Amino acid sequence: AAQTDKRIKALATVSAFDVGQYHREPFGGGEVNLTALNDLFATASERRTHETATGSVELVFSAPMTPEELSPDLPLMFREAYDYYRTSRGMHPRAPNVYIARSQELMATYDSFDNMRLVSPRPVLIMYGSRADSGYFSRRAYANALEPKEEFVVPNATHFDLYDNTTATLPRLVTFLNESI
């Protein structure tokens, strides 16, 4: 929204996550598998046709981002996602961790950070943990932003550490927003 809505005076992120990039690329970054992406688009097209014909909407569980079970081979971020979204720490009854199956194509073509330069000249603050598996999203957002911008890396913190432990982030956020608006 900050890229296009000029009423927004400043942009601050904590533990940024680009759902589009996540659906296009292997987690951690890497080359887009065009065959897999085109298969995803073909499946979404089939699902739209099925929805139109039957009126039935297929829901997909949002694994592995919020896995139903813990597995030691999952990246740290997904193990922590379980601890957050699958326990009382962050679970909410109206957030069932599902989405409409055909929406994967919409997510795969969405890009959170491609147009970060449009936020300028409004100030940008990008905050993430030094141990966050998702840190590459924040680094990409920062790289694509124009000045004025600030990268704030919280030492020894993961993606989910910053969700509800505000000790390291809140003072900087408050100062940034007070200075920016």
Protein backbone atom coordinates (compact mmCIF):
# COMPACT_ATOMS: atom_id res chain seq x y z
CA ALA A 1 0.00 0.00 0.00
CA ALA A 2 2.83 2.43 0.82
CA GLN A 3 4.11 2.08 -2.74
CA THR A 4 0.96 3.64 -4.18
CA ASP A 5 -0.95 5.36 -1.37
CA LYS A 6 0.74 8.72 -0.88
CA ARG A 7 -1.25 9.37 2.32
CA ILE A 8 1.11 6.95 4.08
CA LYS A 9 3.87 9.06 5.61
CA ALA A 10 6.44 6.35 6.37
CA LEU A 11 6.96 2.59 6.05
CA ALA A 12 8.33 0.28 8.74
CA THR A 13 8.52 -3.50 8.52
CA VAL A 14 9.38 -6.09 11.13
CA SER A 15 10.23 -9.60 9.84
CA ALA A 16 9.09 -8.91 6.28
CA PHE A 17 7.80 -11.82 4.21
CA ASP A 18 7.05 -11.74 0.46
CA VAL A 19 4.37 -14.35 -0.13
CA GLY A 20 4.76 -13.96 -3.90
CA GLN A 21 8.48 -14.63 -3.93
CA TYR A 22 7.87 -17.53 -1.54
CA HIS A 23 5.46 -19.14 -4.05
CA ARG A 24 7.76 -18.53 -7.04
CA GLU A 25 11.13 -19.58 -5.65
CA PRO A 26 12.56 -22.18 -3.31
CA PHE A 27 12.52 -20.93 0.29
CA GLY A 28 15.78 -19.13 0.90
CA GLY A 29 15.90 -17.80 -2.67
CA GLY A 30 16.96 -19.32 -5.92
CA GLU A 31 15.88 -19.82 -9.48
CA VAL A 32 12.21 -19.89 -10.38
CA ASN A 33 11.16 -23.32 -11.65
CA LEU A 34 9.11 -22.22 -14.67
CA THR A 35 7.77 -25.72 -15.29
CA ALA A 36 6.45 -25.96 -11.73
CA LEU A 37 5.09 -22.40 -11.91
CA ASN A 38 3.26 -23.11 -15.17
CA ASP A 39 1.88 -26.34 -13.68
CA LEU A 40 0.59 -24.31 -10.74
CA PHE A 41 -1.11 -21.89 -13.16
CA ALA A 42 -2.68 -24.78 -15.12
CA THR A 43 -4.01 -26.32 -11.91
CA ALA A 44 -5.43 -22.96 -10.80
CA SER A 45 -7.18 -22.62 -14.18
CA GLU A 46 -8.71 -26.07 -13.75
CA ARG A 47 -9.86 -25.14 -10.24
CA ARG A 48 -11.57 -21.97 -11.50
CA THR A 49 -13.41 -24.03 -14.13
CA HIS A 50 -14.42 -26.57 -11.46
CA GLU A 51 -15.62 -23.79 -9.11
CA THR A 52 -17.72 -22.25 -11.87
CA ALA A 53 -19.27 -25.60 -12.80
CA THR A 54 -19.94 -26.84 -9.26
CA GLY A 55 -20.00 -23.78 -7.01
CA SER A 56 -17.59 -25.67 -4.76
CA VAL A 57 -14.48 -23.84 -3.53
CA GLU A 58 -11.45 -25.97 -2.62
CA LEU A 59 -9.43 -24.93 0.39
CA VAL A 60 -5.75 -25.77 0.84
CA PHE A 61 -3.95 -26.04 4.15
CA SER A 62 -1.10 -23.50 4.27
CA ALA A 63 1.67 -26.04 4.99
CA PRO A 64 4.63 -25.89 5.23
CA MET A 65 4.42 -22.25 6.33
CA THR A 66 2.24 -23.32 9.28
CA PRO A 67 2.81 -27.08 9.54
CA GLU A 68 0.33 -29.30 11.36
CA GLU A 69 3.20 -31.29 12.85
CA LEU A 70 6.79 -30.50 13.70
CA SER A 71 9.54 -32.16 11.73
CA PRO A 72 13.29 -31.75 12.38
CA ASP A 73 13.98 -31.37 8.65
CA LEU A 74 11.84 -28.22 8.37
CA PRO A 75 13.66 -24.88 8.20
CA LEU A 76 13.82 -23.08 11.56
CA MET A 77 11.25 -20.54 10.39
CA PHE A 78 8.59 -23.20 9.77
CA ARG A 79 9.29 -24.90 13.10
CA GLU A 80 8.84 -21.52 14.76
CA ALA A 81 5.70 -20.89 12.69
CA TYR A 82 4.22 -24.00 14.27
CA ASP A 83 5.06 -22.66 17.73
CA TYR A 84 3.39 -19.36 16.89
CA TYR A 85 0.39 -20.19 14.69
CA ARG A 86 -0.44 -23.64 16.08
CA THR A 87 -0.37 -22.78 19.78
CA SER A 88 -2.15 -20.28 22.01
CA ARG A 89 0.80 -17.92 21.48
CA GLY A 90 -0.58 -16.75 18.12
CA MET A 91 -3.47 -19.03 17.10
CA HIS A 92 -6.83 -17.41 16.47
CA PRO A 93 -10.11 -19.25 15.84
CA ARG A 94 -10.88 -17.15 12.74
CA ALA A 95 -7.44 -17.82 11.22
CA PRO A 96 -7.61 -21.50 10.22
CA ASN A 97 -4.37 -21.50 8.15
CA VAL A 98 -6.11 -22.32 4.86
CA TYR A 99 -6.57 -20.45 1.61
CA ILE A 100 -8.53 -20.88 -1.60
CA ALA A 101 -6.60 -23.36 -3.76
CA ARG A 102 -6.74 -21.28 -6.93
CA SER A 103 -5.30 -18.26 -5.13
CA GLN A 104 -1.80 -19.77 -5.35
CA GLU A 105 -1.51 -18.28 -8.84
CA LEU A 106 -2.41 -14.84 -7.52
CA MET A 107 0.13 -15.17 -4.73
CA ALA A 108 2.83 -16.40 -7.15
CA THR A 109 2.43 -13.34 -9.39
CA TYR A 110 2.35 -10.85 -6.52
CA ASP A 111 5.58 -9.06 -5.56
CA SER A 112 5.81 -7.15 -2.29
CA PHE A 113 9.14 -5.45 -2.91
CA ASP A 114 9.61 -4.92 -6.65
CA ASN A 115 8.31 -1.34 -6.46
CA MET A 116 9.86 -0.25 -3.18
CA ARG A 117 11.44 2.70 -4.97
CA LEU A 118 7.93 4.20 -5.24
CA VAL A 119 7.86 4.75 -1.47
CA SER A 120 10.61 7.40 -1.74
CA PRO A 121 10.97 10.17 -0.66
CA ARG A 122 9.04 8.88 2.36
CA PRO A 123 11.27 7.17 4.95
CA VAL A 124 11.59 3.37 5.14
CA LEU A 125 12.69 1.26 8.11
CA ILE A 126 13.36 -2.45 7.50
CA MET A 127 13.80 -4.53 10.68
CA TYR A 128 14.70 -8.22 10.88
CA GLY A 129 16.62 -10.67 13.01
CA SER A 130 20.19 -11.66 12.19
CA ARG A 131 19.21 -15.35 12.48
CA ALA A 132 15.95 -15.04 10.49
CA ASP A 133 15.63 -17.59 7.67
CA SER A 134 13.42 -14.96 6.05
CA GLY A 135 16.05 -12.22 6.25
CA TYR A 136 16.57 -12.33 2.50
CA PHE A 137 13.08 -10.83 2.03
CA SER A 138 14.02 -7.84 4.20
CA ARG A 139 17.39 -7.45 2.47
CA ARG A 140 15.63 -7.42 -0.92
CA ALA A 141 13.11 -4.82 0.31
CA TYR A 142 15.96 -2.66 1.59
CA ALA A 143 17.98 -3.05 -1.62
CA ASN A 144 14.97 -2.01 -3.74
CA ALA A 145 14.08 0.99 -1.57
CA LEU A 146 15.48 4.43 -2.27
CA GLU A 147 16.63 6.94 0.34
CA PRO A 148 15.78 7.75 3.00
CA LYS A 149 15.99 4.18 4.25
CA GLU A 150 17.36 2.32 7.25
CA GLU A 151 18.15 -1.35 7.80
CA PHE A 152 17.87 -2.38 11.46
CA VAL A 153 19.17 -5.88 12.19
CA VAL A 154 18.39 -7.31 15.61
CA PRO A 155 21.35 -9.43 16.76
CA ASN A 156 20.73 -13.13 17.37
CA ALA A 157 16.97 -12.89 16.62
CA THR A 158 14.87 -15.08 14.32
CA HIS A 159 11.81 -14.15 12.26
CA PHE A 160 9.34 -15.08 14.99
CA ASP A 161 11.42 -13.72 17.86
CA LEU A 162 10.35 -10.26 16.71
CA TYR A 163 6.60 -11.06 16.58
CA ASP A 164 5.93 -10.73 20.27
CA ASN A 165 9.24 -9.79 21.84
CA THR A 166 9.21 -6.06 21.19
CA THR A 167 12.09 -5.11 23.47
CA ALA A 168 14.56 -4.90 20.60
CA THR A 169 12.26 -3.28 18.04
CA LEU A 170 9.68 -1.06 19.74
CA PRO A 171 12.01 1.76 20.86
CA ARG A 172 13.41 2.14 17.32
CA LEU A 173 9.94 1.90 15.75
CA VAL A 174 8.56 4.61 18.04
CA THR A 175 11.49 6.93 17.36
CA PHE A 176 11.32 6.30 13.61
CA LEU A 177 7.59 6.98 13.41
CA ASN A 178 7.81 10.10 15.60
CA GLU A 179 10.59 11.46 13.39
CA SER A 180 8.78 10.53 10.17
CA ILE A 181 5.25 11.78 10.69
